[in-house]
Amino acid sequence: MANLKAKFYKYHRELGIIFSLPLALCAVTAMGMTIAREFLHNRPLAKFFFSLHTMSIFGSEEIENIYSIIVGISTLAIIFTGLMCLVSFKKKKSNQNQE
């Protein structure tokens, strides 16, 4: 069981490193869109951030679709492995409290 926990921690760390760039880009461009549109009232800048956010800036629908799938899968993978780490941590903590 400890080996399985170690594997989930390892996968979570590795996935976090691999998927940090697309997830960070998605988060930063989403914030940039909101700030440009709502606070700066700069529609052209908001459109630029949106084109980066969806990867439509490259003009290829395939890139947009692949990027969306990568962001979706990476989000789900990080959530799943994070929850598994959390569950194993809570079980470990409850076992320590019982002793």
N, C-alpha and C. Protein backbone atom coordinates (compact mmCIF):
# COMPACT_ATOMS: atom_id res chain seq x y z
N MET A 1 0.82 -1.20 0.00
CA MET A 1 0.00 0.00 0.00
C MET A 1 0.86 1.26 0.00
N ALA A 2 1.96 1.23 0.76
CA ALA A 2 2.85 2.39 0.81
C ALA A 2 3.47 2.65 -0.56
N ASN A 3 3.72 1.56 -1.30
CA ASN A 3 4.29 1.69 -2.63
C ASN A 3 3.31 2.41 -3.56
N LEU A 4 2.02 2.10 -3.43
CA LEU A 4 1.00 2.75 -4.25
C LEU A 4 0.91 4.24 -3.92
N LYS A 5 0.99 4.58 -2.64
CA LYS A 5 0.97 5.99 -2.23
C LYS A 5 2.16 6.73 -2.82
N ALA A 6 3.32 6.10 -2.75
CA ALA A 6 4.53 6.73 -3.28
C ALA A 6 4.40 6.96 -4.78
N LYS A 7 3.76 6.01 -5.47
CA LYS A 7 3.57 6.17 -6.92
C LYS A 7 2.64 7.34 -7.22
N PHE A 8 1.56 7.49 -6.45
CA PHE A 8 0.66 8.61 -6.68
C PHE A 8 1.36 9.94 -6.43
N TYR A 9 2.16 10.03 -5.38
CA TYR A 9 2.91 11.26 -5.12
C TYR A 9 3.87 11.54 -6.27
N LYS A 10 4.53 10.49 -6.75
CA LYS A 10 5.48 10.64 -7.85
C LYS A 10 4.76 11.10 -9.11
N TYR A 11 3.63 10.46 -9.44
CA TYR A 11 2.87 10.85 -10.63
C TYR A 11 2.36 12.28 -10.50
N HIS A 12 1.89 12.64 -9.31
CA HIS A 12 1.37 13.99 -9.10
C HIS A 12 2.47 15.03 -9.31
N ARG A 13 3.65 14.76 -8.79
CA ARG A 13 4.77 15.69 -8.97
C ARG A 13 5.15 15.80 -10.44
N GLU A 14 5.27 14.65 -11.12
CA GLU A 14 5.68 14.66 -12.52
C GLU A 14 4.63 15.33 -13.40
N LEU A 15 3.36 15.01 -13.17
CA LEU A 15 2.31 15.63 -13.96
C LEU A 15 2.25 17.13 -13.71
N GLY A 16 2.47 17.52 -12.47
CA GLY A 16 2.48 18.95 -12.15
C GLY A 16 3.55 19.70 -12.92
N ILE A 17 4.71 19.11 -13.03
CA ILE A 17 5.80 19.74 -13.77
C ILE A 17 5.48 19.79 -15.26
N ILE A 18 5.00 18.67 -15.80
CA ILE A 18 4.72 18.59 -17.24
C ILE A 18 3.59 19.54 -17.64
N PHE A 19 2.53 19.57 -16.86
CA PHE A 19 1.34 20.32 -17.24
C PHE A 19 1.31 21.75 -16.69
N SER A 20 2.36 22.16 -16.01
CA SER A 20 2.33 23.50 -15.43
C SER A 20 2.29 24.60 -16.49
N LEU A 21 2.98 24.43 -17.60
CA LEU A 21 3.01 25.48 -18.62
C LEU A 21 1.64 25.70 -19.26
N PRO A 22 0.97 24.65 -19.79
CA PRO A 22 -0.34 24.92 -20.39
C PRO A 22 -1.37 25.42 -19.38
N LEU A 23 -1.34 24.90 -18.16
CA LEU A 23 -2.30 25.36 -17.15
C LEU A 23 -2.01 26.80 -16.72
N ALA A 24 -0.74 27.14 -16.58
CA ALA A 24 -0.38 28.52 -16.21
C ALA A 24 -0.75 29.48 -17.33
N LEU A 25 -0.50 29.09 -18.57
CA LEU A 25 -0.87 29.94 -19.71
C LEU A 25 -2.38 30.17 -19.74
N CYS A 26 -3.13 29.12 -19.50
CA CYS A 26 -4.59 29.22 -19.48
C CYS A 26 -5.05 30.17 -18.37
N ALA A 27 -4.49 30.04 -17.20
CA ALA A 27 -4.89 30.89 -16.07
C ALA A 27 -4.50 32.35 -16.29
N VAL A 28 -3.28 32.58 -16.75
CA VAL A 28 -2.80 33.95 -16.94
C VAL A 28 -3.59 34.66 -18.04
N THR A 29 -3.86 33.97 -19.14
CA THR A 29 -4.61 34.60 -20.22
C THR A 29 -6.06 34.84 -19.83
N ALA A 30 -6.64 33.95 -19.02
CA ALA A 30 -8.01 34.17 -18.55
C ALA A 30 -8.08 35.41 -17.66
N MET A 31 -7.10 35.55 -16.77
CA MET A 31 -7.06 36.75 -15.93
C MET A 31 -6.81 38.00 -16.77
N GLY A 32 -5.92 37.87 -17.75
CA GLY A 32 -5.63 39.00 -18.63
C GLY A 32 -6.85 39.46 -19.41
N MET A 33 -7.64 38.50 -19.90
CA MET A 33 -8.88 38.84 -20.60
C MET A 33 -9.81 39.64 -19.70
N THR A 34 -10.01 39.16 -18.50
CA THR A 34 -10.93 39.82 -17.58
C THR A 34 -10.44 41.21 -17.21
N ILE A 35 -9.16 41.33 -16.90
CA ILE A 35 -8.61 42.63 -16.52
C ILE A 35 -8.70 43.61 -17.69
N ALA A 36 -8.33 43.16 -18.89
CA ALA A 36 -8.37 44.04 -20.06
C ALA A 36 -9.79 44.48 -20.39
N ARG A 37 -10.72 43.56 -20.30
CA ARG A 37 -12.11 43.87 -20.68
C ARG A 37 -12.84 44.67 -19.60
N GLU A 38 -12.77 44.22 -18.37
CA GLU A 38 -13.60 44.80 -17.32
C GLU A 38 -12.99 46.02 -16.63
N PHE A 39 -11.69 46.01 -16.45
CA PHE A 39 -11.08 47.10 -15.70
C PHE A 39 -10.41 48.14 -16.59
N LEU A 40 -9.76 47.68 -17.65
CA LEU A 40 -9.08 48.62 -18.55
C LEU A 40 -9.96 49.06 -19.71
N HIS A 41 -11.08 48.35 -19.91
CA HIS A 41 -12.01 48.63 -21.01
C HIS A 41 -11.27 48.67 -22.35
N ASN A 42 -10.39 47.70 -22.53
CA ASN A 42 -9.57 47.62 -23.73
C ASN A 42 -9.94 46.34 -24.48
N ARG A 43 -10.91 46.43 -25.36
CA ARG A 43 -11.40 45.26 -26.10
C ARG A 43 -10.32 44.62 -26.99
N PRO A 44 -9.50 45.39 -27.71
CA PRO A 44 -8.46 44.74 -28.53
C PRO A 44 -7.48 43.90 -27.70
N LEU A 45 -7.11 44.40 -26.54
CA LEU A 45 -6.21 43.63 -25.67
C LEU A 45 -6.92 42.38 -25.15
N ALA A 46 -8.19 42.51 -24.81
CA ALA A 46 -8.96 41.36 -24.35
C ALA A 46 -9.07 40.31 -25.46
N LYS A 47 -9.26 40.75 -26.70
CA LYS A 47 -9.33 39.81 -27.83
C LYS A 47 -7.98 39.11 -28.03
N PHE A 48 -6.89 39.86 -27.83
CA PHE A 48 -5.56 39.26 -27.94
C PHE A 48 -5.38 38.17 -26.88
N PHE A 49 -5.74 38.49 -25.64
CA PHE A 49 -5.64 37.48 -24.58
C PHE A 49 -6.54 36.28 -24.88
N PHE A 50 -7.72 36.52 -25.45
CA PHE A 50 -8.61 35.42 -25.79
C PHE A 50 -7.99 34.54 -26.87
N SER A 51 -7.35 35.17 -27.86
CA SER A 51 -6.72 34.37 -28.92
C SER A 51 -5.56 33.55 -28.37
N LEU A 52 -4.85 34.07 -27.37
CA LEU A 52 -3.82 33.26 -26.70
C LEU A 52 -4.45 32.17 -25.85
N HIS A 53 -5.53 32.51 -25.18
CA HIS A 53 -6.21 31.57 -24.29
C HIS A 53 -6.72 30.35 -25.05
N THR A 54 -7.21 30.56 -26.25
CA THR A 54 -7.76 29.45 -27.05
C THR A 54 -6.77 28.93 -28.09
N MET A 55 -5.60 29.56 -28.18
CA MET A 55 -4.58 29.23 -29.17
C MET A 55 -5.04 29.50 -30.60
N SER A 56 -6.07 30.31 -30.77
CA SER A 56 -6.52 30.67 -32.12
C SER A 56 -5.57 31.67 -32.76
N ILE A 57 -4.63 32.18 -31.99
CA ILE A 57 -3.65 33.12 -32.52
C ILE A 57 -2.80 32.46 -33.61
N PHE A 58 -2.68 31.14 -33.56
CA PHE A 58 -1.89 30.42 -34.56
C PHE A 58 -2.68 30.15 -35.83
N GLY A 59 -3.99 30.39 -35.81
CA GLY A 59 -4.81 30.27 -37.01
C GLY A 59 -5.15 28.85 -37.42
N SER A 60 -4.88 27.90 -36.57
CA SER A 60 -5.17 26.50 -36.90
C SER A 60 -6.18 25.95 -35.92
N GLU A 61 -7.28 25.44 -36.47
CA GLU A 61 -8.31 24.86 -35.61
C GLU A 61 -7.82 23.59 -34.92
N GLU A 62 -6.91 22.87 -35.58
CA GLU A 62 -6.37 21.65 -34.98
C GLU A 62 -5.59 21.97 -33.71
N ILE A 63 -4.81 23.04 -33.76
CA ILE A 63 -4.03 23.43 -32.58
C ILE A 63 -4.97 23.83 -31.45
N GLU A 64 -6.03 24.56 -31.77
CA GLU A 64 -7.02 24.95 -30.76
C GLU A 64 -7.62 23.71 -30.09
N ASN A 65 -8.00 22.74 -30.92
CA ASN A 65 -8.63 21.52 -30.38
C ASN A 65 -7.66 20.71 -29.53
N ILE A 66 -6.44 20.55 -30.01
CA ILE A 66 -5.44 19.78 -29.27
C ILE A 66 -5.12 20.47 -27.94
N TYR A 67 -4.97 21.80 -27.98
CA TYR A 67 -4.67 22.55 -26.75
C TYR A 67 -5.80 22.40 -25.74
N SER A 68 -7.04 22.47 -26.20
CA SER A 68 -8.18 22.31 -25.30
C SER A 68 -8.18 20.94 -24.65
N ILE A 69 -7.88 19.92 -25.44
CA ILE A 69 -7.83 18.56 -24.90
C ILE A 69 -6.69 18.42 -23.90
N ILE A 70 -5.54 18.99 -24.21
CA ILE A 70 -4.39 18.92 -23.30
C ILE A 70 -4.71 19.60 -21.97
N VAL A 71 -5.32 20.77 -22.03
CA VAL A 71 -5.66 21.49 -20.80
C VAL A 71 -6.70 20.71 -19.99
N GLY A 72 -7.69 20.14 -20.68
CA GLY A 72 -8.72 19.36 -19.98
C GLY A 72 -8.16 18.11 -19.33
N ILE A 73 -7.37 17.36 -20.08
CA ILE A 73 -6.78 16.13 -19.53
C ILE A 73 -5.82 16.46 -18.40
N SER A 74 -5.02 17.50 -18.57
CA SER A 74 -4.06 17.84 -17.52
C SER A 74 -4.78 18.27 -16.24
N THR A 75 -5.86 19.01 -16.39
CA THR A 75 -6.62 19.42 -15.21
C THR A 75 -7.19 18.20 -14.49
N LEU A 76 -7.80 17.30 -15.25
CA LEU A 76 -8.37 16.10 -14.65
C LEU A 76 -7.30 15.22 -14.01
N ALA A 77 -6.14 15.09 -14.66
CA ALA A 77 -5.07 14.26 -14.13
C ALA A 77 -4.53 14.82 -12.82
N ILE A 78 -4.33 16.13 -12.77
CA ILE A 78 -3.83 16.76 -11.55
C ILE A 78 -4.86 16.64 -10.42
N ILE A 79 -6.14 16.84 -10.76
CA ILE A 79 -7.19 16.70 -9.74
C ILE A 79 -7.24 15.27 -9.22
N PHE A 80 -7.22 14.29 -10.11
CA PHE A 80 -7.31 12.89 -9.71
C PHE A 80 -6.14 12.48 -8.83
N THR A 81 -4.93 12.77 -9.28
CA THR A 81 -3.77 12.36 -8.48
C THR A 81 -3.70 13.14 -7.17
N GLY A 82 -4.11 14.41 -7.20
CA GLY A 82 -4.14 15.20 -5.96
C GLY A 82 -5.13 14.65 -4.96
N LEU A 83 -6.31 14.25 -5.44
CA LEU A 83 -7.30 13.66 -4.54
C LEU A 83 -6.82 12.33 -3.98
N MET A 84 -6.15 11.54 -4.79
CA MET A 84 -5.62 10.27 -4.30
C MET A 84 -4.54 10.51 -3.24
N CYS A 85 -3.71 11.52 -3.44
CA CYS A 85 -2.72 11.87 -2.42
C CYS A 85 -3.41 12.34 -1.14
N LEU A 86 -4.46 13.13 -1.29
CA LEU A 86 -5.19 13.63 -0.13
C LEU A 86 -5.85 12.49 0.64
N VAL A 87 -6.47 11.57 -0.07
CA VAL A 87 -7.12 10.42 0.58
C VAL A 87 -6.09 9.59 1.32
N SER A 88 -4.95 9.33 0.69
CA SER A 88 -3.93 8.51 1.36
C SER A 88 -3.34 9.26 2.55
N PHE A 89 -3.23 10.58 2.46
CA PHE A 89 -2.72 11.37 3.58
C PHE A 89 -3.69 11.34 4.76
N LYS A 90 -4.99 11.46 4.46
CA LYS A 90 -5.99 11.42 5.54
C LYS A 90 -6.04 10.05 6.20
N LYS A 91 -5.92 8.98 5.40
CA LYS A 91 -5.91 7.63 5.96
C LYS A 91 -4.69 7.46 6.86
N LYS A 92 -3.55 7.96 6.41
CA LYS A 92 -2.32 7.85 7.18
C LYS A 92 -2.46 8.61 8.50
N LYS A 93 -3.05 9.80 8.44
CA LYS A 93 -3.22 10.61 9.64
C LYS A 93 -4.20 9.96 10.61
N SER A 94 -5.30 9.38 10.10
CA SER A 94 -6.27 8.74 10.99
C SER A 94 -5.67 7.48 11.62
N ASN A 95 -4.82 6.77 10.88
CA ASN A 95 -4.15 5.60 11.46
C ASN A 95 -3.20 6.01 12.57
N GLN A 96 -2.53 7.15 12.43
CA GLN A 96 -1.62 7.63 13.46
C GLN A 96 -2.39 8.06 14.70
N ASN A 97 -3.56 8.64 14.51
CA ASN A 97 -4.38 9.08 15.65
C ASN A 97 -4.93 7.89 16.44
N GLN A 98 -5.18 6.77 15.77
CA GLN A 98 -5.72 5.59 16.44
C GLN A 98 -4.68 4.88 17.28
N GLU A 99 -3.42 5.05 16.93
CA GLU A 99 -2.35 4.34 17.66
C GLU A 99 -2.03 4.96 18.97
